[in-house]
Amino acid sequence: MCFEVEETLSNSRNLRLPGIKASMLSFKLLLAFVATVAGHGYVDNITVNGILYTPYTDPYTSPTPDRIIRPVQGNGPITDLTLIDLQCGGYTAGGISGTTPAKLTAGPVAAGSKVSLRWTLWPESHSGPVITYMAKCPAAGCSTYLPGTAAVWFKVAESGRVGTTSVWGDTPLMTAGNSYSYTIPSCLAAGSYIVRHEIIALHTAAMYPGVQFYPSCHQIQVTGSGTSTGPATKVAFPGAYAAADPGITYDMYKAQTYTVPGPKVFSC
């Protein structure tokens, strides 16, 4: 599994910055790594149409209980934009490439409804945006569907930096008891969808590799009379982000505006 030790080893090269000009940035990155030891986080529960789903209750029982969330390999980050792990989690370096479908699908829930996600307490050092995508599953449902590298994803919500302040999309998740919610577009066609929800941590993102992705995917059954399946142009994971994107390589310690990576948020 990919935990803090793995993160430190994989990102330590970002501290090898030659010359005096890089010393202050190196110091900032070092402080970020010290804070990292406290750990990361994951989506602990999801509320869909008033029903609470707990993805990680009794994860070590045999057989593992059926869930609505696609399994993730630990609470460590994805740092390579080219890996299938970026889609819904995985640990390719440890022999687990990507993830697998969940057996259950939450819902039904009407298009236009809100879905609430509760993260474990998020570390204060790991500031960054919170982004949510959706992808429609085939008529057979999501329980056997793997999008691969197909461009099937569209963005339904994003929350980045508030101006040039220290308030970010994930700032509320640094307070115990807070949750995040997204709204299912009201015009979406009925059917099963994968929801890809992520936090992007920018505390070591001044150079690439350095940015950290924490994706989590769950499956929902949407109802309603809508006919839309999202925008005509969709994106793939991997593929939606590039190292040169201003929202991927970014110094969060500077008072500067931030551009959330990926496509525009879809609206009906």
Protein backbone atom coordinates (compact mmCIF):
# COMPACT_ATOMS: atom_id res chain seq x y z
CA MET A 1 0.00 0.00 0.00
CA CYS A 2 1.06 3.59 -0.57
CA PHE A 3 1.37 5.40 2.71
CA GLU A 4 3.46 8.28 4.05
CA VAL A 5 6.86 6.57 3.78
CA GLU A 6 6.24 5.80 0.12
CA GLU A 7 5.19 9.40 -0.47
CA THR A 8 8.33 10.80 1.11
CA LEU A 9 10.57 8.53 -0.95
CA SER A 10 8.80 9.22 -4.22
CA ASN A 11 8.75 12.98 -3.79
CA SER A 12 12.11 13.56 -2.11
CA ARG A 13 13.64 14.47 -5.49
CA ASN A 14 11.66 17.71 -5.36
CA LEU A 15 13.86 18.84 -2.51
CA ARG A 16 17.05 18.50 -4.53
CA LEU A 17 16.96 22.03 -5.86
CA PRO A 18 20.35 23.44 -6.88
CA GLY A 19 21.53 26.89 -5.91
CA ILE A 20 20.70 29.42 -3.26
CA LYS A 21 17.59 30.74 -5.05
CA ALA A 22 15.80 27.46 -4.42
CA SER A 23 16.61 27.33 -0.71
CA MET A 24 13.43 29.05 0.46
CA LEU A 25 11.25 26.80 -1.70
CA SER A 26 13.15 23.77 -0.42
CA PHE A 27 12.50 24.88 3.14
CA LYS A 28 8.78 25.28 2.46
CA LEU A 29 8.61 21.83 0.90
CA LEU A 30 10.48 20.36 3.85
CA LEU A 31 7.93 21.85 6.24
CA ALA A 32 5.16 20.36 4.13
CA PHE A 33 6.75 16.91 4.34
CA VAL A 34 7.04 17.17 8.11
CA ALA A 35 3.31 17.93 8.30
CA THR A 36 2.61 15.00 5.97
CA VAL A 37 3.63 12.49 8.62
CA ALA A 38 0.25 13.05 10.28
CA GLY A 39 -1.38 11.17 7.40
CA HIS A 40 -3.89 11.81 4.65
CA GLY A 41 -7.53 10.86 4.37
CA TYR A 42 -10.28 9.15 2.43
CA VAL A 43 -14.05 9.29 1.93
CA ASP A 44 -15.40 7.68 5.09
CA ASN A 45 -19.12 7.73 4.27
CA ILE A 46 -21.58 8.89 1.64
CA THR A 47 -25.22 9.94 2.00
CA VAL A 48 -27.43 9.39 -1.06
CA ASN A 49 -31.16 10.16 -0.90
CA GLY A 50 -31.05 10.07 2.89
CA ILE A 51 -29.31 6.67 3.05
CA LEU A 52 -25.89 6.48 4.70
CA TYR A 53 -23.29 4.27 3.02
CA THR A 54 -20.09 3.37 4.89
CA PRO A 55 -17.48 2.25 2.36
CA TYR A 56 -14.80 1.13 4.79
CA THR A 57 -16.67 -0.55 7.64
CA ASP A 58 -15.10 -3.97 8.37
CA PRO A 59 -12.71 -3.84 5.36
CA TYR A 60 -10.70 -6.83 6.58
CA THR A 61 -13.57 -9.27 6.99
CA SER A 62 -13.76 -12.23 4.64
CA PRO A 63 -15.56 -12.01 2.35
CA THR A 64 -15.32 -8.21 2.15
CA PRO A 65 -18.79 -6.62 2.41
CA ASP A 66 -20.24 -5.27 -0.83
CA ARG A 67 -19.82 -1.51 -1.27
CA ILE A 68 -20.87 1.37 -3.53
CA ILE A 69 -17.33 2.78 -3.61
CA ARG A 70 -14.57 1.39 -5.79
CA PRO A 71 -11.70 0.09 -3.66
CA VAL A 72 -8.65 2.29 -3.05
CA GLN A 73 -5.23 1.08 -1.99
CA GLY A 74 -4.51 2.90 1.26
CA ASN A 75 -4.63 6.62 1.95
CA GLY A 76 -1.53 7.69 0.03
CA PRO A 77 -1.46 9.90 -3.08
CA ILE A 78 -1.30 9.30 -6.80
CA THR A 79 1.59 11.38 -8.18
CA ASP A 80 1.96 10.15 -11.78
CA LEU A 81 -0.44 11.72 -14.28
CA THR A 82 0.06 8.89 -16.77
CA LEU A 83 -1.18 6.03 -14.59
CA ILE A 84 -4.66 4.50 -14.65
CA ASP A 85 -4.48 4.89 -10.85
CA LEU A 86 -5.40 8.55 -11.41
CA GLN A 87 -8.92 7.53 -12.41
CA CYS A 88 -10.28 5.94 -9.24
CA GLY A 89 -7.21 4.88 -7.26
CA GLY A 90 -4.74 2.04 -7.43
CA TYR A 91 -1.12 1.23 -6.65
CA THR A 92 0.64 0.32 -9.87
CA ALA A 93 4.04 0.51 -8.18
CA GLY A 94 2.89 -2.26 -5.85
CA GLY A 95 1.39 -4.42 -8.57
CA ILE A 96 -2.21 -3.17 -8.37
CA SER A 97 -3.01 -1.25 -11.55
CA GLY A 98 -6.11 0.88 -11.12
CA THR A 99 -9.16 -0.29 -9.24
CA THR A 100 -12.17 -2.55 -9.76
CA PRO A 101 -15.92 -1.89 -9.98
CA ALA A 102 -17.98 -1.86 -6.81
CA LYS A 103 -20.68 -4.52 -6.53
CA LEU A 104 -23.39 -2.13 -5.37
CA THR A 105 -24.88 1.08 -6.74
CA ALA A 106 -26.38 3.71 -4.43
CA GLY A 107 -29.84 5.11 -4.97
CA PRO A 108 -32.12 5.56 -6.68
CA VAL A 109 -31.63 9.32 -6.41
CA ALA A 110 -33.32 11.98 -8.51
CA ALA A 111 -31.33 14.17 -10.87
CA GLY A 112 -30.95 17.59 -9.24
CA SER A 113 -30.38 16.07 -5.79
CA LYS A 114 -27.37 16.63 -3.57
CA VAL A 115 -25.02 13.86 -2.49
CA SER A 116 -22.97 14.32 0.69
CA LEU A 117 -19.50 12.88 1.24
CA ARG A 118 -17.75 12.81 4.60
CA TRP A 119 -13.96 12.65 4.51
CA THR A 120 -11.79 11.65 7.41
CA LEU A 121 -10.15 14.73 8.92
CA TRP A 122 -8.00 16.26 6.18
CA PRO A 123 -4.45 17.46 7.09
CA GLU A 124 -4.07 21.23 7.24
CA SER A 125 -0.90 21.22 5.13
CA HIS A 126 -2.57 19.57 2.11
CA SER A 127 -4.44 22.54 0.64
CA GLY A 128 -5.97 22.31 -2.80
CA PRO A 129 -9.11 22.06 -4.91
CA VAL A 130 -11.97 19.59 -4.62
CA ILE A 131 -13.32 18.38 -7.97
CA THR A 132 -16.12 16.00 -8.94
CA TYR A 133 -16.71 14.24 -12.27
CA MET A 134 -19.35 11.81 -13.51
CA ALA A 135 -19.40 9.13 -16.23
CA LYS A 136 -22.44 7.24 -17.47
CA CYS A 137 -22.24 3.47 -17.24
CA PRO A 138 -23.61 1.12 -19.93
CA ALA A 139 -27.20 -0.10 -19.73
CA ALA A 140 -25.98 -3.17 -17.84
CA GLY A 141 -24.88 -0.93 -14.97
CA CYS A 142 -21.61 -0.03 -13.26
CA SER A 143 -20.82 -3.27 -11.45
CA THR A 144 -18.69 -4.62 -14.32
CA TYR A 145 -17.80 -1.37 -16.07
CA LEU A 146 -14.22 -0.12 -16.39
CA PRO A 147 -13.89 3.07 -18.50
CA GLY A 148 -10.22 2.45 -19.21
CA THR A 149 -8.75 5.42 -21.06
CA ALA A 150 -11.98 6.31 -22.88
CA ALA A 151 -13.08 9.95 -22.78
CA VAL A 152 -16.31 9.48 -20.80
CA TRP A 153 -15.90 11.88 -17.86
CA PHE A 154 -17.45 15.33 -17.39
CA LYS A 155 -17.00 17.74 -14.51
CA VAL A 156 -20.04 18.54 -12.33
CA ALA A 157 -18.45 20.51 -9.50
CA GLU A 158 -15.23 22.25 -8.50
CA SER A 159 -14.00 24.39 -5.64
CA GLY A 160 -10.56 25.98 -5.87
CA ARG A 161 -8.78 28.85 -4.16
CA VAL A 162 -10.73 31.82 -2.84
CA GLY A 163 -8.93 34.69 -4.54
CA THR A 164 -5.37 34.79 -3.25
CA THR A 165 -6.28 33.80 0.31
CA SER A 166 -5.34 30.64 2.18
CA VAL A 167 -8.90 29.32 1.84
CA TRP A 168 -9.21 26.38 -0.55
CA GLY A 169 -11.84 23.92 -1.66
CA ASP A 170 -10.62 21.39 0.87
CA THR A 171 -10.31 23.87 3.77
CA PRO A 172 -13.72 22.95 5.28
CA LEU A 173 -12.63 19.30 5.39
CA MET A 174 -9.84 20.24 7.80
CA THR A 175 -12.46 20.76 10.52
CA ALA A 176 -13.94 17.68 12.15
CA GLY A 177 -17.56 17.00 11.28
CA ASN A 178 -17.62 18.90 7.99
CA SER A 179 -18.60 17.25 4.73
CA TYR A 180 -18.61 18.01 1.01
CA SER A 181 -21.62 17.83 -1.28
CA TYR A 182 -22.16 17.91 -5.02
CA THR A 183 -25.37 18.31 -7.00
CA ILE A 184 -26.33 15.83 -9.71
CA PRO A 185 -27.15 17.93 -12.81
CA SER A 186 -30.94 18.15 -13.09
CA CYS A 187 -30.99 17.42 -16.83
CA LEU A 188 -29.05 14.14 -16.67
CA ALA A 189 -30.65 11.10 -18.23
CA ALA A 190 -31.70 8.31 -15.91
CA GLY A 191 -29.20 5.51 -15.48
CA SER A 192 -26.16 4.37 -13.56
CA TYR A 193 -23.15 6.64 -13.17
CA ILE A 194 -19.66 6.51 -11.71
CA VAL A 195 -18.83 9.59 -9.68
CA ARG A 196 -15.13 10.46 -9.55
CA HIS A 197 -14.44 12.74 -6.59
CA GLU A 198 -10.95 14.02 -5.78
CA ILE A 199 -8.84 16.32 -3.68
CA ILE A 200 -5.68 17.67 -5.30
CA ALA A 201 -3.05 18.55 -2.68
CA LEU A 202 -0.67 21.30 -3.78
CA HIS A 203 1.75 21.59 -0.86
CA THR A 204 4.61 20.13 -2.96
CA ALA A 205 3.34 21.13 -6.41
CA ALA A 206 5.77 23.94 -7.24
CA MET A 207 7.58 21.43 -9.48
CA TYR A 208 6.37 18.32 -11.28
CA PRO A 209 6.22 15.61 -10.05
CA GLY A 210 5.00 16.98 -6.76
CA VAL A 211 1.23 17.44 -6.99
CA GLN A 212 -0.78 14.79 -5.14
CA PHE A 213 -4.12 13.32 -6.23
CA TYR A 214 -6.57 11.60 -3.90
CA PRO A 215 -9.34 10.18 -6.11
CA SER A 216 -12.35 8.22 -4.90
CA CYS A 217 -15.12 6.74 -7.08
CA HIS A 218 -18.62 5.65 -6.12
CA GLN A 219 -21.59 4.41 -8.12
CA ILE A 220 -25.09 5.90 -8.13
CA GLN A 221 -28.41 5.19 -9.85
CA VAL A 222 -29.97 8.42 -11.15
CA THR A 223 -33.68 8.81 -11.92
CA GLY A 224 -35.62 11.53 -13.71
CA SER A 225 -36.91 12.65 -17.09
CA GLY A 226 -33.70 14.33 -18.27
CA THR A 227 -32.12 13.40 -21.57
CA SER A 228 -28.56 14.72 -21.24
CA THR A 229 -25.49 12.53 -20.87
CA GLY A 230 -23.24 15.52 -20.27
CA PRO A 231 -21.29 17.72 -22.68
CA ALA A 232 -20.41 16.53 -26.17
CA THR A 233 -16.70 16.71 -25.37
CA LYS A 234 -15.61 14.64 -22.40
CA VAL A 235 -12.22 13.79 -20.88
CA ALA A 236 -10.29 10.67 -19.97
CA PHE A 237 -8.36 9.67 -16.85
CA PRO A 238 -5.47 9.58 -17.37
CA GLY A 239 -5.44 12.31 -20.00
CA ALA A 240 -7.50 15.15 -18.53
CA TYR A 241 -4.51 16.75 -16.81
CA ALA A 242 -1.01 17.63 -18.01
CA ALA A 243 2.09 18.48 -15.99
CA ALA A 244 2.24 21.94 -17.57
CA ASP A 245 -1.33 22.85 -16.59
CA PRO A 246 -1.35 25.91 -14.29
CA GLY A 247 -3.49 24.04 -11.79
CA ILE A 248 -1.08 21.09 -11.64
CA THR A 249 2.30 22.80 -11.29
CA TYR A 250 1.63 25.62 -8.86
CA ASP A 251 3.23 27.29 -5.84
CA MET A 252 0.44 27.53 -3.30
CA TYR A 253 2.64 29.54 -0.92
CA LYS A 254 2.45 32.58 -3.20
CA ALA A 255 -0.50 34.98 -3.09
CA GLN A 256 -1.71 34.26 -6.62
CA THR A 257 -4.94 33.17 -8.24
CA TYR A 258 -5.50 29.54 -9.11
CA THR A 259 -7.01 27.86 -12.16
CA VAL A 260 -8.72 24.56 -11.37
CA PRO A 261 -7.46 21.94 -13.85
CA GLY A 262 -9.66 20.02 -16.23
CA PRO A 263 -12.66 21.04 -18.35
CA LYS A 264 -15.36 23.53 -17.46
CA VAL A 265 -18.13 22.47 -15.09
CA PHE A 266 -21.07 21.06 -17.02
CA SER A 267 -24.34 22.94 -16.63
CA CYS A 268 -27.77 22.09 -18.00
